[in-house]
Amino acid sequence: MTLQRRLQLVGCNTEEQWMTTALKVAFATSDMKHVDQHFGAAQSFAIYAVDRDKVCFVEASEFGALAMDGNEDKLAAKIAALDGCIAVYSQAVGASAIQQLKAQGIQPVKVSPGSEIRELLENLQEELRQGPGSWLAKAIASTMPVDPARFDKMEEEGWEE
């Protein structure tokens, strides 16, 4: 199943500088308020940009209704729709989807059915303020540009065997 509809918001205080430092997260949802979908059968994703101080809804991606039939082909379009996201929250996710998501640098996060997106975003912001946990710290590190001179100091010290 391919992507049927994609709404990307322009403005909403998405200044270019802020958007380069904010983290994008997605939620499998049917009503844009609650996480109530299995990743593989999700009809839509709500995508937000978030940092310690600000949250902004940036995109909604909608798919047709899909059965949870084990057909792996339907996952490609969903994973492509999450480009740039560090995580996707859903009420369940299969083993194959977990592997494919992690290969793209997207952390699957399982939450209780009906979890409120607003509360999950608040919790994520609080985690960013307090010091991110292991998966979040790894995701943040993966968004940082690699310094090409990072080994220069080690080279200056020399190498002895």
C-alpha atoms as a PDB file:
ATOM      1  CA  MET A   1       0.000   0.000   0.000  1.00  0.00           C
ATOM      2  CA  THR A   2       1.333   3.378  -0.944  1.00  0.00           C
ATOM      3  CA  LEU A   3       0.985   6.670   0.783  1.00  0.00           C
ATOM      4  CA  GLN A   4      -2.438   8.136  -0.046  1.00  0.00           C
ATOM      5  CA  ARG A   5      -2.164  11.599   1.426  1.00  0.00           C
ATOM      6  CA  ARG A   6       0.534  13.710   3.052  1.00  0.00           C
ATOM      7  CA  LEU A   7      -0.018  17.056   4.751  1.00  0.00           C
ATOM      8  CA  GLN A   8       3.075  19.069   5.635  1.00  0.00           C
ATOM      9  CA  LEU A   9       2.621  22.269   7.588  1.00  0.00           C
ATOM     10  CA  VAL A  10       4.533  25.368   6.648  1.00  0.00           C
ATOM     11  CA  GLY A  11       5.209  27.985   9.261  1.00  0.00           C
ATOM     12  CA  CYS A  12       4.052  27.004  12.744  1.00  0.00           C
ATOM     13  CA  ASN A  13       7.301  28.490  14.049  1.00  0.00           C
ATOM     14  CA  THR A  14       9.338  25.923  12.188  1.00  0.00           C
ATOM     15  CA  GLU A  15      12.280  28.257  11.766  1.00  0.00           C
ATOM     16  CA  GLU A  16      15.018  26.630   9.762  1.00  0.00           C
ATOM     17  CA  GLN A  17      17.535  26.772  12.621  1.00  0.00           C
ATOM     18  CA  TRP A  18      15.123  25.201  15.112  1.00  0.00           C
ATOM     19  CA  MET A  19      14.131  22.452  12.701  1.00  0.00           C
ATOM     20  CA  THR A  20      17.768  21.421  12.292  1.00  0.00           C
ATOM     21  CA  THR A  21      18.091  20.828  16.047  1.00  0.00           C
ATOM     22  CA  ALA A  22      14.596  19.515  16.837  1.00  0.00           C
ATOM     23  CA  LEU A  23      13.937  15.783  16.861  1.00  0.00           C
ATOM     24  CA  LYS A  24      11.141  14.356  14.728  1.00  0.00           C
ATOM     25  CA  VAL A  25       8.929  11.643  16.208  1.00  0.00           C
ATOM     26  CA  ALA A  26       5.916   9.854  14.729  1.00  0.00           C
ATOM     27  CA  PHE A  27       2.770   8.391  16.261  1.00  0.00           C
ATOM     28  CA  ALA A  28       0.586   5.638  14.751  1.00  0.00           C
ATOM     29  CA  THR A  29      -2.877   7.143  15.132  1.00  0.00           C
ATOM     30  CA  SER A  30      -6.332   7.194  13.608  1.00  0.00           C
ATOM     31  CA  ASP A  31      -7.542  10.382  15.318  1.00  0.00           C
ATOM     32  CA  MET A  32      -4.315  12.466  15.608  1.00  0.00           C
ATOM     33  CA  LYS A  33      -4.800  12.546  19.408  1.00  0.00           C
ATOM     34  CA  HIS A  34      -4.099   8.999  20.610  1.00  0.00           C
ATOM     35  CA  VAL A  35      -1.701   6.179  19.743  1.00  0.00           C
ATOM     36  CA  ASP A  36      -4.234   3.550  18.727  1.00  0.00           C
ATOM     37  CA  GLN A  37      -2.682   1.709  15.790  1.00  0.00           C
ATOM     38  CA  HIS A  38      -0.380  -1.264  15.196  1.00  0.00           C
ATOM     39  CA  PHE A  39       2.605  -0.038  13.157  1.00  0.00           C
ATOM     40  CA  GLY A  40       2.083  -2.417  10.215  1.00  0.00           C
ATOM     41  CA  ALA A  41      -1.621  -1.655   9.917  1.00  0.00           C
ATOM     42  CA  ALA A  42      -1.455   2.043  10.803  1.00  0.00           C
ATOM     43  CA  GLN A  43      -3.821   4.156   8.740  1.00  0.00           C
ATOM     44  CA  SER A  44      -1.913   7.333   9.536  1.00  0.00           C
ATOM     45  CA  PHE A  45       1.053   8.868  11.312  1.00  0.00           C
ATOM     46  CA  ALA A  46       1.172  12.199  13.110  1.00  0.00           C
ATOM     47  CA  ILE A  47       4.708  13.596  12.994  1.00  0.00           C
ATOM     48  CA  TYR A  48       5.983  16.208  15.436  1.00  0.00           C
ATOM     49  CA  ALA A  49       9.218  18.128  15.876  1.00  0.00           C
ATOM     50  CA  VAL A  50      10.242  18.412  19.519  1.00  0.00           C
ATOM     51  CA  ASP A  51      13.019  19.819  21.656  1.00  0.00           C
ATOM     52  CA  ARG A  52      13.289  20.678  25.363  1.00  0.00           C
ATOM     53  CA  ASP A  53      11.123  23.780  25.071  1.00  0.00           C
ATOM     54  CA  LYS A  54       8.924  23.471  22.023  1.00  0.00           C
ATOM     55  CA  VAL A  55       6.672  20.994  20.206  1.00  0.00           C
ATOM     56  CA  CYS A  56       5.319  21.522  16.719  1.00  0.00           C
ATOM     57  CA  PHE A  57       3.026  19.346  14.607  1.00  0.00           C
ATOM     58  CA  VAL A  58       4.748  19.188  11.225  1.00  0.00           C
ATOM     59  CA  GLU A  59       3.145  16.441   9.166  1.00  0.00           C
ATOM     60  CA  ALA A  60       0.358  13.902   8.794  1.00  0.00           C
ATOM     61  CA  SER A  61       0.720  10.896   6.507  1.00  0.00           C
ATOM     62  CA  GLU A  62      -2.315   8.805   5.632  1.00  0.00           C
ATOM     63  CA  PHE A  63      -2.509   5.289   4.210  1.00  0.00           C
ATOM     64  CA  GLY A  64      -5.429   3.088   3.236  1.00  0.00           C
ATOM     65  CA  ALA A  65      -6.747   0.411   5.582  1.00  0.00           C
ATOM     66  CA  LEU A  66      -4.386  -2.558   5.745  1.00  0.00           C
ATOM     67  CA  ALA A  67      -4.744  -6.036   7.142  1.00  0.00           C
ATOM     68  CA  MET A  68      -2.134  -7.481   9.487  1.00  0.00           C
ATOM     69  CA  ASP A  69      -1.505 -10.358   7.089  1.00  0.00           C
ATOM     70  CA  GLY A  70       2.257 -10.743   7.378  1.00  0.00           C
ATOM     71  CA  ASN A  71       2.812  -9.082   3.987  1.00  0.00           C
ATOM     72  CA  GLU A  72       6.126  -7.277   4.418  1.00  0.00           C
ATOM     73  CA  ASP A  73       5.785  -5.197   1.215  1.00  0.00           C
ATOM     74  CA  LYS A  74       3.411  -2.737   2.865  1.00  0.00           C
ATOM     75  CA  LEU A  75       6.083  -1.669   5.351  1.00  0.00           C
ATOM     76  CA  ALA A  76       8.326   0.081   2.802  1.00  0.00           C
ATOM     77  CA  ALA A  77       5.920   2.991   2.196  1.00  0.00           C
ATOM     78  CA  LYS A  78       5.333   3.452   5.923  1.00  0.00           C
ATOM     79  CA  ILE A  79       9.033   3.471   6.732  1.00  0.00           C
ATOM     80  CA  ALA A  80       9.692   5.903   3.860  1.00  0.00           C
ATOM     81  CA  ALA A  81       7.026   8.240   5.304  1.00  0.00           C
ATOM     82  CA  LEU A  82       9.033   8.341   8.552  1.00  0.00           C
ATOM     83  CA  ASP A  83      12.167   9.702   6.886  1.00  0.00           C
ATOM     84  CA  GLY A  84      13.970  11.976   9.337  1.00  0.00           C
ATOM     85  CA  CYS A  85      12.153  10.603  12.405  1.00  0.00           C
ATOM     86  CA  ILE A  86      14.143   9.208  15.320  1.00  0.00           C
ATOM     87  CA  ALA A  87      11.219   7.194  16.728  1.00  0.00           C
ATOM     88  CA  VAL A  88       7.744   5.905  15.980  1.00  0.00           C
ATOM     89  CA  TYR A  89       5.260   5.247  18.784  1.00  0.00           C
ATOM     90  CA  SER A  90       2.657   2.520  18.230  1.00  0.00           C
ATOM     91  CA  GLN A  91       0.576   0.111  20.271  1.00  0.00           C
ATOM     92  CA  ALA A  92       2.378  -2.873  18.691  1.00  0.00           C
ATOM     93  CA  VAL A  93       5.042  -3.609  16.093  1.00  0.00           C
ATOM     94  CA  GLY A  94       6.166  -6.875  14.505  1.00  0.00           C
ATOM     95  CA  ALA A  95       9.688  -8.309  14.549  1.00  0.00           C
ATOM     96  CA  SER A  96      10.300  -7.685  10.840  1.00  0.00           C
ATOM     97  CA  ALA A  97       9.137  -4.081  11.143  1.00  0.00           C
ATOM     98  CA  ILE A  98      11.437  -3.571  14.145  1.00  0.00           C
ATOM     99  CA  GLN A  99      14.421  -4.756  12.104  1.00  0.00           C
ATOM    100  CA  GLN A 100      13.533  -2.534   9.150  1.00  0.00           C
ATOM    101  CA  LEU A 101      12.906   0.514  11.334  1.00  0.00           C
ATOM    102  CA  LYS A 102      16.164   0.105  13.248  1.00  0.00           C
ATOM    103  CA  ALA A 103      18.057  -0.301   9.957  1.00  0.00           C
ATOM    104  CA  GLN A 104      16.783   3.189   9.054  1.00  0.00           C
ATOM    105  CA  GLY A 105      17.746   4.633  12.440  1.00  0.00           C
ATOM    106  CA  ILE A 106      14.145   4.783  13.698  1.00  0.00           C
ATOM    107  CA  GLN A 107      13.460   3.499  17.216  1.00  0.00           C
ATOM    108  CA  PRO A 108      10.110   1.687  17.580  1.00  0.00           C
ATOM    109  CA  VAL A 109       8.427   2.576  20.887  1.00  0.00           C
ATOM    110  CA  LYS A 110       5.526   0.437  22.101  1.00  0.00           C
ATOM    111  CA  VAL A 111       2.970   2.229  24.272  1.00  0.00           C
ATOM    112  CA  SER A 112      -0.371   1.313  25.812  1.00  0.00           C
ATOM    113  CA  PRO A 113      -3.334   1.492  23.415  1.00  0.00           C
ATOM    114  CA  GLY A 114      -5.027   4.874  23.639  1.00  0.00           C
ATOM    115  CA  SER A 115      -1.985   6.718  25.019  1.00  0.00           C
ATOM    116  CA  GLU A 116      -2.408  10.448  24.495  1.00  0.00           C
ATOM    117  CA  ILE A 117       0.067  11.921  22.028  1.00  0.00           C
ATOM    118  CA  ARG A 118       0.174  15.168  24.027  1.00  0.00           C
ATOM    119  CA  GLU A 119       1.289  13.306  27.174  1.00  0.00           C
ATOM    120  CA  LEU A 120       3.894  11.289  25.276  1.00  0.00           C
ATOM    121  CA  LEU A 121       5.340  14.500  23.845  1.00  0.00           C
ATOM    122  CA  GLU A 122       5.435  16.073  27.322  1.00  0.00           C
ATOM    123  CA  ASN A 123       7.217  12.976  28.664  1.00  0.00           C
ATOM    124  CA  LEU A 124       9.723  13.123  25.811  1.00  0.00           C
ATOM    125  CA  GLN A 125      10.413  16.797  26.527  1.00  0.00           C
ATOM    126  CA  GLU A 126      10.914  16.033  30.209  1.00  0.00           C
ATOM    127  CA  GLU A 127      13.359  13.262  29.302  1.00  0.00           C
ATOM    128  CA  LEU A 128      15.266  15.713  27.099  1.00  0.00           C
ATOM    129  CA  ARG A 129      15.449  18.195  29.996  1.00  0.00           C
ATOM    130  CA  GLN A 130      16.500  15.629  32.614  1.00  0.00           C
ATOM    131  CA  GLY A 131      18.999  13.782  30.417  1.00  0.00           C
ATOM    132  CA  PRO A 132      17.966  11.342  27.727  1.00  0.00           C
ATOM    133  CA  GLY A 133      17.795   7.599  28.321  1.00  0.00           C
ATOM    134  CA  SER A 134      19.848   5.159  26.280  1.00  0.00           C
ATOM    135  CA  TRP A 135      17.796   4.941  23.067  1.00  0.00           C
ATOM    136  CA  LEU A 136      17.155   8.683  23.006  1.00  0.00           C
ATOM    137  CA  ALA A 137      20.809   9.551  23.655  1.00  0.00           C
ATOM    138  CA  LYS A 138      21.814   7.239  20.805  1.00  0.00           C
ATOM    139  CA  ALA A 139      19.233   8.845  18.496  1.00  0.00           C
ATOM    140  CA  ILE A 140      20.441  12.342  19.366  1.00  0.00           C
ATOM    141  CA  ALA A 141      24.049  11.328  18.714  1.00  0.00           C
ATOM    142  CA  SER A 142      23.082   9.929  15.309  1.00  0.00           C
ATOM    143  CA  THR A 143      21.682  13.323  14.271  1.00  0.00           C
ATOM    144  CA  MET A 144      24.937  15.134  15.039  1.00  0.00           C
ATOM    145  CA  PRO A 145      27.267  15.788  12.105  1.00  0.00           C
ATOM    146  CA  VAL A 146      30.487  13.793  12.166  1.00  0.00           C
ATOM    147  CA  ASP A 147      33.539  15.977  12.787  1.00  0.00           C
ATOM    148  CA  PRO A 148      36.107  15.113  10.108  1.00  0.00           C
ATOM    149  CA  ALA A 149      38.923  16.249  12.430  1.00  0.00           C
ATOM    150  CA  ARG A 150      37.841  14.077  15.357  1.00  0.00           C
ATOM    151  CA  PHE A 151      40.937  11.844  15.141  1.00  0.00           C
ATOM    152  CA  ASP A 152      43.509  14.603  14.548  1.00  0.00           C
ATOM    153  CA  LYS A 153      44.410  14.962  18.233  1.00  0.00           C
ATOM    154  CA  MET A 154      44.964  11.229  18.529  1.00  0.00           C
ATOM    155  CA  GLU A 155      47.199  11.289  15.464  1.00  0.00           C
ATOM    156  CA  GLU A 156      49.255  14.131  16.976  1.00  0.00           C
ATOM    157  CA  GLU A 157      49.917  11.978  20.045  1.00  0.00           C
ATOM    158  CA  GLY A 158      51.544   9.358  17.849  1.00  0.00           C
ATOM    159  CA  TRP A 159      51.236   5.616  17.761  1.00  0.00           C
ATOM    160  CA  GLU A 160      53.557   3.150  19.425  1.00  0.00           C
ATOM    161  CA  GLU A 161      53.364  -0.612  19.286  1.00  0.00           C
END
